Amino acid sequence: MNHLRTITFIFALAMSLGVMASKTLPVIPYPQHVEEKKGCFDARNGFDIKIADARFESEGRFLNEKLQAAGRQSEITSSEAAVVISYDAGITGDEAYRLTVDNKNIEIAASAPSGAFYGAQTFLQLVDNCEEIPCVTVTDSPRYSWRGFMRDDARHFTGVESVKRFIDLMAYYKLNRFHWHLTDGQGWRIEINKYPRLATVGGIGSHSDPDSPCAYYTQDEIKDIVAYALRRHIMIIPEIDMPGHATAANRAYPEYNGGGEGIFPDFTFNPGKEETYTYLSDILGEVAGLFPGPYMHIGGDEVAYGINAWKVDPYVLDLMKREGFDDVKQCERYFMNRMIAEVAHLGKTLIGWDELLDLDVDRSTNIMWWRHDKPQYLTRSLNAGYTTVMCPRKPLYFDFVQHDTHSVGRIWDGFCPLEDVYAFPDPWFEKIGVSDEMQSHISGMQANAWSELLHNSDRLDFMTWPRLCALAESAWTIRDNKNYDDFRLRLEDAYRLFDNLGIYYFDHRNPERHAEPAGPVIKKKIRESETEYKD
């Protein structure tokens, strides 16, 4: 309560003095332009909502539901109302909006449904965080179109309700891409009707317990989650990893196994068998039918952990002879080009990790740059004209520790504290020489939460929040409007929300408040000097 009084006092002081006016609105991510005025809107009479344009029907009803769920008096009306959601063709950009608050009325204006939705999220945050809603005009649009979070359910499975809670919070903070890592060596988490053993056999086990009960998402559950996300203007991008990270799938259907070595047994699909391509095309066809978005992620990373097995596989050797290849790396390129063609046949755009640059894949492919120690792969991707999403391990891998007192998590010449997440990406642009022209190929950025060390919901929450708030602001707010000290003040409202929702977050104000939820299955800090195994 003392923190809330402090925030209220700072906000009131800034309002009265006109000092730091562009930095005091209690909203995350911070808007592009804020014009504060005298006075406040009296919320005691409720928030009757008029949807002035039918194209915003869903967004208006969603706002009404959220207000009612928060205990506010609210209903949809066709007559005069305190809150009006209107269409304005002059607002440029699908995600842009204008929010106007005066003493008696509130208008959310946009030219597209997503803009109306984000205007409603800004309004909801003002309702949640202000005792009286300040009179203000907010004119806003995002810096990047891709504002994402990657969640790994393959290593440790969390379930439908946990996923939906993340989607709700992502929407609240204007994140719009949910990258869902559903398959890997430790588990296959999506039902495929034509190959049921993928889920029922491949879904057995986890990173911490290879004998844990089978766990996966049914197709009905996935359809429900996709619809839930779409209503919140979040696109879900599925990842079905190939040709590596295939151990769980090969456990279910060993006839498509391409082998592996050492600590990565049965790591790959077999690129030399024609049946492999039929098998994977069938799988991708079912996946494409479940996810209506335009993208499909098929990994393509770290194949080197299993590729040596191809050198002695008779089917791969036949492929090399038939195609005139003299190196198994050419088989990897052959495999990926066939899968790119299949993804295109399904009407999707392929996304893969930055290793695909070594294969010189088609320029229609979207690249995710993840290797922070290889910044040349970012510049290489941009110079070649690939649409690129930035998600480097440092500072955007949330399985890395976030505070120097933490004993569990990954470290690579340091870790990923809140302030580094917030500062990204501009210091990197300056450091490695990313020009404005190169930046035009960047669609956005996302945080990745690989779950080898995130074995339950508390652990996932602890490693994600509030760092994902920092990511949300970095992806939305232009550099000139970012202020880390002010962001830390606005996090007070986020902490209060997390408390109300029962989220086990890391409290930067008091690092001892929540004990680090390591659990009995996680025993030591993972250092990248021991392994480069990413995901």
Protein backbone atom coordinates (compact mmCIF):
# COMPACT_ATOMS: atom_id res chain seq x y z
CA MET A 1 0.00 0.00 0.00
CA ASN A 2 2.90 2.36 0.75
CA HIS A 3 4.20 1.77 -2.79
CA LEU A 4 0.79 2.67 -4.24
CA ARG A 5 0.71 5.89 -2.22
CA THR A 6 4.17 6.75 -3.52
CA ILE A 7 3.15 6.19 -7.13
CA THR A 8 -0.07 8.19 -6.63
CA PHE A 9 1.89 11.07 -5.11
CA ILE A 10 4.49 11.10 -7.92
CA PHE A 11 1.76 10.98 -10.56
CA ALA A 12 -0.25 13.77 -8.93
CA LEU A 13 2.84 15.94 -8.52
CA ALA A 14 3.82 15.52 -12.16
CA MET A 15 0.26 16.30 -13.27
CA SER A 16 0.16 19.49 -11.24
CA LEU A 17 3.64 20.73 -12.21
CA GLY A 18 3.66 19.52 -15.80
CA VAL A 19 7.04 17.87 -15.10
CA MET A 20 7.99 14.65 -16.92
CA ALA A 21 4.47 14.59 -18.34
CA SER A 22 5.45 12.21 -21.11
CA LYS A 23 6.76 9.68 -18.56
CA THR A 24 4.12 9.50 -15.85
CA LEU A 25 1.16 7.65 -17.32
CA PRO A 26 0.90 4.31 -15.44
CA VAL A 27 0.88 2.13 -18.55
CA ILE A 28 3.15 -0.65 -19.88
CA PRO A 29 4.29 -0.46 -22.65
CA TYR A 30 4.62 3.31 -22.65
CA PRO A 31 2.73 5.05 -25.50
CA GLN A 32 4.38 7.00 -28.29
CA HIS A 33 2.66 10.31 -27.56
CA VAL A 34 0.85 11.46 -24.41
CA GLU A 35 -0.88 14.83 -24.06
CA GLU A 36 -2.07 15.35 -20.50
CA LYS A 37 -4.84 17.79 -19.63
CA LYS A 38 -6.37 19.17 -16.48
CA GLY A 39 -8.99 17.17 -14.67
CA CYS A 40 -10.06 13.57 -14.33
CA PHE A 41 -12.86 11.31 -15.51
CA ASP A 42 -15.28 10.38 -12.73
CA ALA A 43 -15.52 6.59 -12.88
CA ARG A 44 -18.08 6.22 -10.10
CA ASN A 45 -20.99 6.06 -12.54
CA GLY A 46 -19.48 3.16 -14.46
CA PHE A 47 -18.39 2.64 -18.03
CA ASP A 48 -21.31 2.02 -20.36
CA ILE A 49 -19.81 1.20 -23.75
CA LYS A 50 -21.09 2.16 -27.20
CA ILE A 51 -19.60 0.29 -30.14
CA ALA A 52 -19.95 2.93 -32.84
CA ASP A 53 -18.68 0.69 -35.64
CA ALA A 54 -19.72 -2.93 -36.10
CA ARG A 55 -16.21 -4.02 -37.08
CA PHE A 56 -15.18 -3.44 -33.44
CA GLU A 57 -17.95 -5.57 -31.91
CA SER A 58 -15.60 -8.23 -30.52
CA GLU A 59 -13.20 -5.68 -29.04
CA GLY A 60 -16.03 -3.75 -27.35
CA ARG A 61 -17.53 -6.87 -25.82
CA PHE A 62 -14.10 -8.02 -24.63
CA LEU A 63 -13.57 -4.66 -22.91
CA ASN A 64 -16.98 -4.92 -21.28
CA GLU A 65 -16.24 -8.42 -19.99
CA LYS A 66 -12.92 -7.30 -18.50
CA LEU A 67 -14.48 -4.31 -16.75
CA GLN A 68 -17.22 -6.47 -15.29
CA ALA A 69 -14.71 -9.11 -14.19
CA ALA A 70 -12.84 -6.36 -12.33
CA GLY A 71 -16.02 -5.44 -10.47
CA ARG A 72 -16.74 -2.31 -12.50
CA GLN A 73 -20.24 -1.29 -13.52
CA SER A 74 -20.31 -1.71 -17.29
CA GLU A 75 -22.63 -2.75 -20.10
CA ILE A 76 -22.96 -2.48 -23.88
CA THR A 77 -25.46 0.14 -25.00
CA SER A 78 -26.65 1.62 -28.28
CA SER A 79 -27.47 5.00 -26.74
CA GLU A 80 -25.15 7.66 -25.39
CA ALA A 81 -22.33 6.14 -23.36
CA ALA A 82 -19.30 7.14 -21.34
CA VAL A 83 -17.00 4.99 -23.49
CA VAL A 84 -17.23 5.05 -27.28
CA ILE A 85 -15.27 2.79 -29.60
CA SER A 86 -15.17 4.44 -33.00
CA TYR A 87 -13.66 4.09 -36.46
CA ASP A 88 -11.22 6.71 -37.74
CA ALA A 89 -9.81 6.14 -41.23
CA GLY A 90 -7.15 8.76 -40.56
CA ILE A 91 -5.37 6.58 -38.01
CA THR A 92 -2.55 4.87 -39.89
CA GLY A 93 -1.60 1.31 -39.03
CA ASP A 94 -3.66 -1.71 -38.04
CA GLU A 95 -2.35 -1.63 -34.45
CA ALA A 96 -2.49 2.13 -34.00
CA TYR A 97 -5.11 3.85 -31.85
CA ARG A 98 -6.08 7.11 -30.19
CA LEU A 99 -7.44 7.20 -26.65
CA THR A 100 -9.10 10.44 -25.54
CA VAL A 101 -10.27 11.01 -21.96
CA ASP A 102 -12.03 14.17 -20.82
CA ASN A 103 -14.15 14.96 -17.78
CA LYS A 104 -17.24 13.18 -19.08
CA ASN A 105 -16.31 10.96 -22.05
CA ILE A 106 -13.78 8.42 -23.23
CA GLU A 107 -13.16 7.60 -26.89
CA ILE A 108 -11.12 4.73 -28.27
CA ALA A 109 -10.57 5.33 -31.99
CA ALA A 110 -8.82 3.09 -34.51
CA SER A 111 -8.88 2.11 -38.16
CA ALA A 112 -8.65 -1.66 -37.52
CA PRO A 113 -9.83 -4.09 -34.83
CA SER A 114 -6.33 -4.68 -33.45
CA GLY A 115 -5.87 -0.96 -32.89
CA ALA A 116 -9.19 -0.77 -31.05
CA PHE A 117 -8.10 -3.73 -28.92
CA TYR A 118 -4.81 -2.08 -27.93
CA GLY A 119 -6.55 1.18 -27.16
CA ALA A 120 -8.84 -0.81 -24.86
CA GLN A 121 -5.80 -2.36 -23.12
CA THR A 122 -4.38 1.09 -22.41
CA PHE A 123 -7.76 2.15 -21.04
CA LEU A 124 -7.97 -1.00 -18.86
CA GLN A 125 -4.55 -0.28 -17.40
CA LEU A 126 -5.63 3.28 -16.53
CA VAL A 127 -8.76 1.90 -14.87
CA ASP A 128 -6.70 -0.68 -12.95
CA ASN A 129 -3.91 1.68 -11.90
CA CYS A 130 -5.55 5.06 -11.24
CA GLU A 131 -8.00 6.02 -8.52
CA GLU A 132 -9.18 8.72 -10.91
CA ILE A 133 -8.59 8.42 -14.66
CA PRO A 134 -6.61 11.46 -15.83
CA CYS A 135 -7.82 13.51 -18.77
CA VAL A 136 -5.40 12.67 -21.53
CA THR A 137 -5.00 12.08 -25.26
CA VAL A 138 -2.86 9.09 -26.16
CA THR A 139 -1.78 8.63 -29.76
CA ASP A 140 -0.02 5.33 -30.10
CA SER A 141 1.36 2.65 -32.41
CA PRO A 142 4.01 -0.06 -32.00
CA ARG A 143 7.66 0.13 -32.93
CA TYR A 144 7.65 -3.49 -34.12
CA SER A 145 4.92 -5.66 -35.60
CA TRP A 146 6.37 -8.85 -34.03
CA ARG A 147 6.24 -8.68 -30.23
CA GLY A 148 6.61 -12.22 -29.07
CA PHE A 149 7.10 -14.80 -26.38
CA MET A 150 8.26 -18.39 -26.94
CA ARG A 151 7.08 -21.03 -24.53
CA ASP A 152 8.60 -24.51 -24.50
CA ASP A 153 6.10 -27.21 -23.54
CA ALA A 154 8.25 -30.00 -24.94
CA ARG A 155 10.72 -30.26 -22.03
CA HIS A 156 8.16 -29.68 -19.28
CA PHE A 157 4.42 -29.71 -19.96
CA THR A 158 2.23 -27.15 -18.17
CA GLY A 159 -1.30 -27.47 -19.59
CA VAL A 160 -4.19 -25.45 -20.95
CA GLU A 161 -4.95 -23.15 -18.03
CA SER A 162 -1.33 -22.07 -17.65
CA VAL A 163 -1.11 -21.28 -21.36
CA LYS A 164 -4.32 -19.23 -21.26
CA ARG A 165 -3.10 -17.22 -18.29
CA PHE A 166 0.03 -16.31 -20.21
CA ILE A 167 -2.04 -15.33 -23.23
CA ASP A 168 -4.18 -13.04 -21.05
CA LEU A 169 -1.12 -11.25 -19.68
CA MET A 170 0.51 -11.04 -23.09
CA ALA A 171 -2.58 -9.29 -24.43
CA TYR A 172 -2.66 -6.89 -21.48
CA TYR A 173 0.89 -5.81 -22.28
CA LYS A 174 0.27 -5.66 -26.06
CA LEU A 175 2.33 -8.69 -27.05
CA ASN A 176 0.96 -10.31 -30.19
CA ARG A 177 3.00 -13.42 -31.12
CA PHE A 178 2.95 -16.65 -29.10
CA HIS A 179 5.63 -19.00 -30.41
CA TRP A 180 4.72 -22.46 -29.11
CA HIS A 181 7.54 -25.01 -29.02
CA LEU A 182 5.60 -28.27 -29.06
CA THR A 183 8.10 -30.97 -29.99
CA ASP A 184 11.65 -31.84 -28.99
CA GLY A 185 13.83 -34.68 -27.83
CA GLN A 186 12.19 -34.91 -24.41
CA GLY A 187 8.56 -34.87 -25.48
CA TRP A 188 6.02 -34.57 -28.32
CA ARG A 189 3.09 -32.47 -27.09
CA ILE A 190 0.59 -32.26 -29.95
CA GLU A 191 -1.94 -34.87 -31.04
CA ILE A 192 -1.54 -36.01 -34.66
CA ASN A 193 -4.48 -38.14 -35.76
CA LYS A 194 -2.67 -40.04 -38.51
CA TYR A 195 0.24 -40.92 -36.20
CA PRO A 196 -1.27 -41.28 -32.72
CA ARG A 197 1.86 -42.76 -31.12
CA LEU A 198 3.60 -39.40 -31.54
CA ALA A 199 1.54 -38.16 -28.59
CA THR A 200 0.82 -41.35 -26.67
CA VAL A 201 4.42 -42.63 -26.83
CA GLY A 202 6.38 -39.49 -27.66
CA GLY A 203 4.46 -37.62 -24.96
CA ILE A 204 5.83 -39.81 -22.17
CA GLY A 205 8.52 -38.23 -20.01
CA SER A 206 10.04 -34.79 -19.49
CA HIS A 207 13.49 -33.29 -19.17
CA SER A 208 13.59 -33.98 -15.44
CA ASP A 209 11.78 -37.34 -15.44
CA PRO A 210 11.87 -39.61 -18.50
CA ASP A 211 9.18 -41.79 -16.92
CA SER A 212 6.64 -39.09 -16.12
CA PRO A 213 3.10 -39.80 -17.41
CA CYS A 214 2.16 -39.05 -20.98
CA ALA A 215 1.20 -35.40 -21.48
CA TYR A 216 0.14 -33.60 -24.65
CA TYR A 217 -2.42 -31.19 -26.06
CA THR A 218 -5.35 -32.73 -27.91
CA GLN A 219 -6.42 -31.15 -31.16
CA ASP A 220 -9.61 -29.92 -29.52
CA GLU A 221 -7.57 -28.24 -26.78
CA ILE A 222 -5.33 -26.60 -29.35
CA LYS A 223 -8.33 -25.28 -31.30
CA ASP A 224 -9.71 -23.84 -28.08
CA ILE A 225 -6.40 -22.14 -27.20
CA VAL A 226 -5.99 -20.77 -30.73
CA ALA A 227 -9.48 -19.25 -30.63
CA TYR A 228 -8.78 -17.85 -27.16
CA ALA A 229 -5.60 -16.19 -28.43
CA LEU A 230 -7.19 -14.84 -31.62
CA ARG A 231 -9.84 -13.02 -29.62
CA ARG A 232 -6.97 -11.30 -27.84
CA HIS A 233 -5.21 -10.48 -31.13
CA ILE A 234 -2.43 -12.96 -30.49
CA MET A 235 -1.21 -15.19 -33.30
CA ILE A 236 0.12 -18.60 -32.27
CA ILE A 237 3.08 -19.91 -34.26
CA PRO A 238 3.64 -23.66 -33.79
CA GLU A 239 7.14 -25.11 -33.88
CA ILE A 240 7.60 -28.70 -35.03
CA ASP A 241 11.35 -29.19 -34.81
CA MET A 242 13.23 -30.91 -37.64
CA PRO A 243 15.46 -32.49 -38.84
CA GLY A 244 17.08 -32.47 -35.38
CA HIS A 245 15.54 -32.55 -31.89
CA ALA A 246 13.52 -35.56 -33.06
CA THR A 247 14.25 -38.11 -30.32
CA ALA A 248 10.70 -38.25 -28.90
CA ALA A 249 9.21 -38.67 -32.37
CA ASN A 250 11.72 -41.40 -33.21
CA ARG A 251 10.79 -43.21 -30.02
CA ALA A 252 7.23 -43.38 -31.34
CA TYR A 253 8.05 -44.15 -35.00
CA PRO A 254 11.62 -45.48 -35.23
CA GLU A 255 11.30 -46.25 -38.93
CA TYR A 256 11.97 -42.55 -39.69
CA ASN A 257 15.02 -42.31 -37.40
CA GLY A 258 18.14 -40.72 -38.86
CA GLY A 259 20.29 -41.41 -35.80
CA GLY A 260 22.41 -39.36 -33.47
CA GLU A 261 25.43 -39.76 -31.26
CA GLY A 262 26.67 -39.53 -27.68
CA ILE A 263 24.25 -37.71 -25.39
CA PHE A 264 21.98 -37.01 -28.39
CA PRO A 265 20.80 -40.47 -29.49
CA ASP A 266 18.18 -40.80 -32.22
CA PHE A 267 18.44 -37.05 -32.67
CA THR A 268 17.45 -36.66 -36.34
CA PHE A 269 14.87 -37.64 -38.88
CA ASN A 270 16.27 -39.61 -41.81
CA PRO A 271 16.67 -37.37 -44.88
CA GLY A 272 17.48 -40.32 -47.14
CA LYS A 273 14.12 -42.08 -46.87
CA GLU A 274 11.36 -40.88 -49.15
CA GLU A 275 8.86 -42.10 -46.56
CA THR A 276 10.25 -39.50 -44.12
CA TYR A 277 8.99 -36.67 -46.30
CA THR A 278 5.52 -38.22 -46.61
CA TYR A 279 5.44 -38.69 -42.83
CA LEU A 280 6.51 -35.14 -42.02
CA SER A 281 4.26 -33.65 -44.71
CA ASP A 282 1.29 -35.46 -43.18
CA ILE A 283 2.20 -34.08 -39.76
CA LEU A 284 2.64 -30.52 -41.00
CA GLY A 285 -0.64 -30.77 -42.86
CA GLU A 286 -2.53 -31.54 -39.65
CA VAL A 287 -0.63 -28.82 -37.78
CA ALA A 288 -1.41 -26.27 -40.48
CA GLY A 289 -5.10 -27.05 -40.14
CA LEU A 290 -5.00 -26.27 -36.41
CA PHE A 291 -3.18 -22.93 -36.61
CA PRO A 292 -4.74 -20.41 -39.01
CA GLY A 293 -1.86 -17.93 -38.86
CA PRO A 294 0.44 -17.47 -41.87
CA TYR A 295 3.58 -18.92 -40.23
CA MET A 296 4.98 -22.33 -39.43
CA HIS A 297 8.24 -22.80 -37.51
CA ILE A 298 10.20 -25.99 -38.20
CA GLY A 299 13.36 -25.30 -36.20
CA GLY A 300 16.31 -26.33 -38.34
CA ASP A 301 18.81 -25.75 -35.53
CA GLU A 302 21.65 -27.76 -34.01
CA VAL A 303 21.49 -30.55 -36.57
CA ALA A 304 25.24 -30.95 -36.04
CA TYR A 305 24.52 -32.88 -32.83
CA GLY A 306 23.24 -35.80 -34.88
CA ILE A 307 24.45 -35.32 -38.43
CA ASN A 308 27.51 -37.59 -38.16
CA ALA A 309 25.18 -40.58 -38.03
CA TRP A 310 24.16 -39.75 -41.57
CA LYS A 311 27.68 -40.49 -42.82
CA VAL A 312 27.13 -44.21 -42.35
CA ASP A 313 23.37 -44.47 -42.88
CA PRO A 314 22.66 -46.50 -46.07
CA TYR A 315 19.62 -44.43 -47.02
CA VAL A 316 21.54 -41.18 -46.68
CA LEU A 317 24.45 -42.61 -48.63
CA ASP A 318 22.03 -43.58 -51.42
CA LEU A 319 20.65 -40.02 -51.40
CA MET A 320 24.15 -38.58 -51.68
CA LYS A 321 25.00 -40.86 -54.58
CA ARG A 322 21.72 -40.13 -56.34
CA GLU A 323 22.02 -36.35 -55.96
CA GLY A 324 25.77 -36.12 -56.44
CA PHE A 325 26.42 -34.82 -52.92
CA ASP A 326 29.88 -35.05 -51.40
CA ASP A 327 28.99 -33.89 -47.87
CA VAL A 328 26.12 -34.66 -45.48
CA LYS A 329 25.60 -30.92 -45.02
CA GLN A 330 24.17 -30.97 -48.54
CA CYS A 331 21.66 -33.56 -47.34
CA GLU A 332 20.56 -31.12 -44.64
CA ARG A 333 20.06 -28.43 -47.30
CA TYR A 334 18.14 -30.93 -49.46
CA PHE A 335 15.90 -31.84 -46.51
CA MET A 336 15.21 -28.23 -45.59
CA ASN A 337 14.43 -27.16 -49.16
CA ARG A 338 11.89 -29.96 -49.47
CA MET A 339 10.22 -28.95 -46.22
CA ILE A 340 10.21 -25.28 -47.22
CA ALA A 341 8.38 -26.31 -50.39
CA GLU A 342 5.91 -28.34 -48.35
CA VAL A 343 5.24 -25.45 -45.96
CA ALA A 344 4.68 -23.17 -48.97
CA HIS A 345 2.31 -25.76 -50.44
CA LEU A 346 0.31 -25.53 -47.21
CA GLY A 347 0.02 -21.78 -47.68
CA LYS A 348 2.40 -20.88 -44.86
CA THR A 349 5.61 -18.91 -44.52
CA LEU A 350 8.44 -20.90 -42.98
CA ILE A 351 10.33 -19.66 -39.92
CA GLY A 352 13.59 -21.19 -38.74
CA TRP A 353 16.57 -20.51 -36.50
CA ASP A 354 19.60 -18.65 -37.79
CA GLU A 355 21.46 -21.86 -38.76
CA LEU A 356 19.29 -21.83 -41.90
CA LEU A 357 21.48 -19.01 -43.22
CA ASP A 358 24.25 -21.58 -43.73
CA LEU A 359 21.89 -23.46 -46.06
CA ASP A 360 21.16 -20.40 -48.21
CA VAL A 361 17.42 -21.06 -47.96
CA ASP A 362 14.82 -19.22 -49.98
CA ARG A 363 14.49 -15.51 -49.14
CA SER A 364 10.81 -16.01 -48.28
CA THR A 365 11.98 -17.76 -45.10
CA ASN A 366 11.83 -15.76 -41.87
CA ILE A 367 14.93 -16.03 -39.69
CA MET A 368 15.09 -15.99 -35.90
CA TRP A 369 18.52 -14.76 -34.74
CA TRP A 370 19.27 -16.46 -31.43
CA ARG A 371 23.05 -16.82 -31.14
CA HIS A 372 24.10 -13.66 -29.33
CA ASP A 373 27.74 -14.71 -29.62
CA LYS A 374 27.39 -14.75 -33.41
CA PRO A 375 26.14 -11.21 -34.20
CA GLN A 376 27.39 -11.67 -37.74
CA TYR A 377 24.37 -13.93 -38.30
CA LEU A 378 22.06 -10.99 -37.58
CA THR A 379 23.87 -8.70 -40.01
CA ARG A 380 24.13 -11.51 -42.55
CA SER A 381 20.39 -12.14 -42.37
CA LEU A 382 19.54 -8.46 -42.72
CA ASN A 383 22.01 -7.79 -45.53
CA ALA A 384 20.55 -10.74 -47.45
CA GLY A 385 17.04 -9.32 -47.06
CA TYR A 386 15.54 -11.99 -44.82
CA THR A 387 12.70 -10.87 -42.59
CA THR A 388 14.26 -11.31 -39.16
CA VAL A 389 13.04 -11.67 -35.58
CA MET A 390 15.58 -10.86 -32.86
CA CYS A 391 15.69 -13.26 -29.91
CA PRO A 392 19.34 -13.51 -28.82
CA ARG A 393 20.22 -15.61 -25.78
CA LYS A 394 21.60 -12.48 -24.15
CA PRO A 395 19.46 -10.74 -23.11
CA LEU A 396 16.23 -12.45 -24.26
CA TYR A 397 16.51 -16.04 -23.04
CA PHE A 398 14.46 -16.20 -19.87
CA ASP A 399 15.97 -19.51 -18.74
CA PHE A 400 19.10 -17.43 -18.05
CA VAL A 401 19.32 -16.15 -14.48
CA GLN A 402 18.13 -12.59 -13.92
CA HIS A 403 19.86 -11.63 -10.67
CA ASP A 404 23.30 -12.24 -9.19
CA THR A 405 21.77 -13.89 -6.11
CA HIS A 406 20.10 -16.65 -8.10
CA SER A 407 21.60 -20.11 -8.03
CA VAL A 408 19.65 -21.92 -10.74
CA GLY A 409 19.63 -21.08 -14.41
CA ARG A 410 21.90 -20.59 -17.37
CA ILE A 411 24.87 -18.24 -17.54
CA TRP A 412 27.05 -17.27 -20.48
CA ASP A 413 29.63 -14.62 -19.59
CA GLY A 414 26.92 -13.02 -17.44
CA PHE A 415 23.18 -13.32 -17.41
CA CYS A 416 19.98 -11.51 -18.46
CA PRO A 417 18.92 -8.89 -15.90
CA LEU A 418 15.80 -6.78 -16.26
CA GLU A 419 17.74 -3.67 -17.31
CA ASP A 420 19.42 -5.49 -20.22
CA VAL A 421 16.09 -6.77 -21.50
CA TYR A 422 14.73 -3.22 -21.29
CA ALA A 423 17.71 -1.67 -23.10
CA PHE A 424 17.56 -4.09 -26.07
CA PRO A 425 17.94 -3.70 -29.05
CA ASP A 426 19.49 -0.25 -29.62
CA PRO A 427 22.85 -0.81 -27.86
CA TRP A 428 23.28 -3.93 -30.01
CA PHE A 429 22.55 -1.97 -33.18
CA GLU A 430 25.30 0.48 -32.28
CA LYS A 431 27.73 -2.20 -31.19
CA ILE A 432 27.53 -4.40 -34.28
CA GLY A 433 26.66 -1.75 -36.86
CA VAL A 434 23.03 -2.29 -37.85
CA SER A 435 22.05 0.54 -40.18
CA ASP A 436 18.57 1.99 -40.64
CA GLU A 437 18.32 0.19 -43.97
CA MET A 438 19.20 -3.12 -42.33
CA GLN A 439 16.68 -2.45 -39.56
CA SER A 440 13.92 -2.27 -42.18
CA HIS A 441 14.13 -6.07 -42.44
CA ILE A 442 13.53 -6.58 -38.70
CA SER A 443 9.94 -7.52 -37.98
CA GLY A 444 10.45 -7.48 -34.23
CA MET A 445 11.71 -9.31 -31.19
CA GLN A 446 10.71 -12.00 -28.74
CA ALA A 447 11.77 -13.58 -25.48
CA ASN A 448 12.37 -17.33 -25.34
CA ALA A 449 11.73 -19.43 -22.23
CA TRP A 450 13.32 -22.85 -22.77
CA SER A 451 12.04 -25.17 -20.09
CA GLU A 452 14.87 -27.59 -19.24
CA LEU A 453 15.14 -25.70 -15.93
CA LEU A 454 11.52 -24.49 -15.81
CA HIS A 455 9.88 -27.58 -14.44
CA ASN A 456 6.59 -26.15 -13.11
CA SER A 457 4.37 -23.07 -13.36
CA ASP A 458 5.94 -21.25 -10.40
CA ARG A 459 9.39 -21.63 -11.90
CA LEU A 460 8.15 -20.42 -15.31
CA ASP A 461 6.45 -17.40 -13.74
CA PHE A 462 9.49 -16.56 -11.63
CA MET A 463 11.78 -16.52 -14.66
CA THR A 464 9.34 -14.69 -16.92
CA TRP A 465 7.85 -11.87 -14.83
CA PRO A 466 8.58 -8.98 -14.81
CA ARG A 467 11.14 -9.45 -17.58
CA LEU A 468 8.36 -9.96 -20.12
CA CYS A 469 7.02 -6.51 -19.20
CA ALA A 470 10.42 -5.09 -20.15
CA LEU A 471 10.34 -7.00 -23.43
CA ALA A 472 6.84 -5.68 -24.13
CA GLU A 473 7.97 -2.08 -23.72
CA SER A 474 11.15 -2.58 -25.75
CA ALA A 475 9.16 -4.08 -28.61
CA TRP A 476 6.43 -1.42 -28.57
CA THR A 477 7.95 1.87 -27.43
CA ILE A 478 10.37 3.95 -29.49
CA ARG A 479 13.81 4.51 -28.02
CA ASP A 480 13.27 8.21 -27.25
CA ASN A 481 10.29 7.37 -25.02
CA LYS A 482 12.05 4.69 -22.97
CA ASN A 483 13.23 5.51 -19.47
CA TYR A 484 14.34 2.63 -17.25
CA ASP A 485 13.92 4.46 -13.94
CA ASP A 486 10.38 5.44 -14.85
CA PHE A 487 9.68 1.90 -16.05
CA ARG A 488 10.73 0.59 -12.63
CA LEU A 489 8.15 2.92 -11.06
CA ARG A 490 5.44 1.71 -13.41
CA LEU A 491 6.30 -1.89 -12.52
CA GLU A 492 4.66 -1.22 -9.14
CA ASP A 493 1.31 -1.68 -10.85
CA ALA A 494 2.47 -4.88 -12.51
CA TYR A 495 3.58 -6.31 -9.16
CA ARG A 496 0.18 -5.53 -7.70
CA LEU A 497 -1.51 -7.29 -10.63
CA PHE A 498 0.74 -10.34 -10.23
CA ASP A 499 -0.11 -10.47 -6.53
CA ASN A 500 -3.82 -10.38 -7.32
CA LEU A 501 -3.42 -13.20 -9.86
CA GLY A 502 -1.27 -15.34 -7.59
CA ILE A 503 1.72 -15.22 -9.93
CA TYR A 504 5.03 -16.25 -8.38
CA TYR A 505 7.18 -13.50 -9.89
CA PHE A 506 10.67 -12.20 -9.12
CA ASP A 507 10.35 -9.01 -7.08
CA HIS A 508 13.20 -6.66 -8.00
CA ARG A 509 12.28 -4.35 -5.11
CA ASN A 510 12.89 -7.16 -2.64
CA PRO A 511 14.89 -10.06 -4.10
CA GLU A 512 14.33 -12.13 -0.95
CA ARG A 513 10.54 -11.87 -1.10
CA HIS A 514 9.96 -14.93 -3.26
CA ALA A 515 12.40 -17.79 -2.81
CA GLU A 516 13.89 -19.08 -6.03
CA PRO A 517 11.66 -22.11 -6.84
CA ALA A 518 14.36 -24.54 -7.88
CA GLY A 519 12.68 -27.82 -6.92
CA PRO A 520 14.27 -31.19 -6.21
CA VAL A 521 14.86 -32.08 -9.88
CA ILE A 522 17.02 -29.02 -10.58
CA LYS A 523 20.30 -29.18 -8.72
CA LYS A 524 22.84 -26.84 -10.25
CA LYS A 525 23.43 -23.78 -12.32
CA ILE A 526 23.99 -24.58 -15.98
CA ARG A 527 26.97 -22.79 -17.49
CA GLU A 528 27.34 -22.44 -21.23
CA SER A 529 31.01 -23.44 -20.92
CA GLU A 530 29.71 -26.94 -20.17
CA THR A 531 27.41 -27.21 -23.19
CA GLU A 532 26.10 -25.18 -26.09
CA TYR A 533 22.84 -27.07 -26.15
CA LYS A 534 20.36 -24.27 -26.68
CA ASP A 535 16.86 -25.54 -26.54
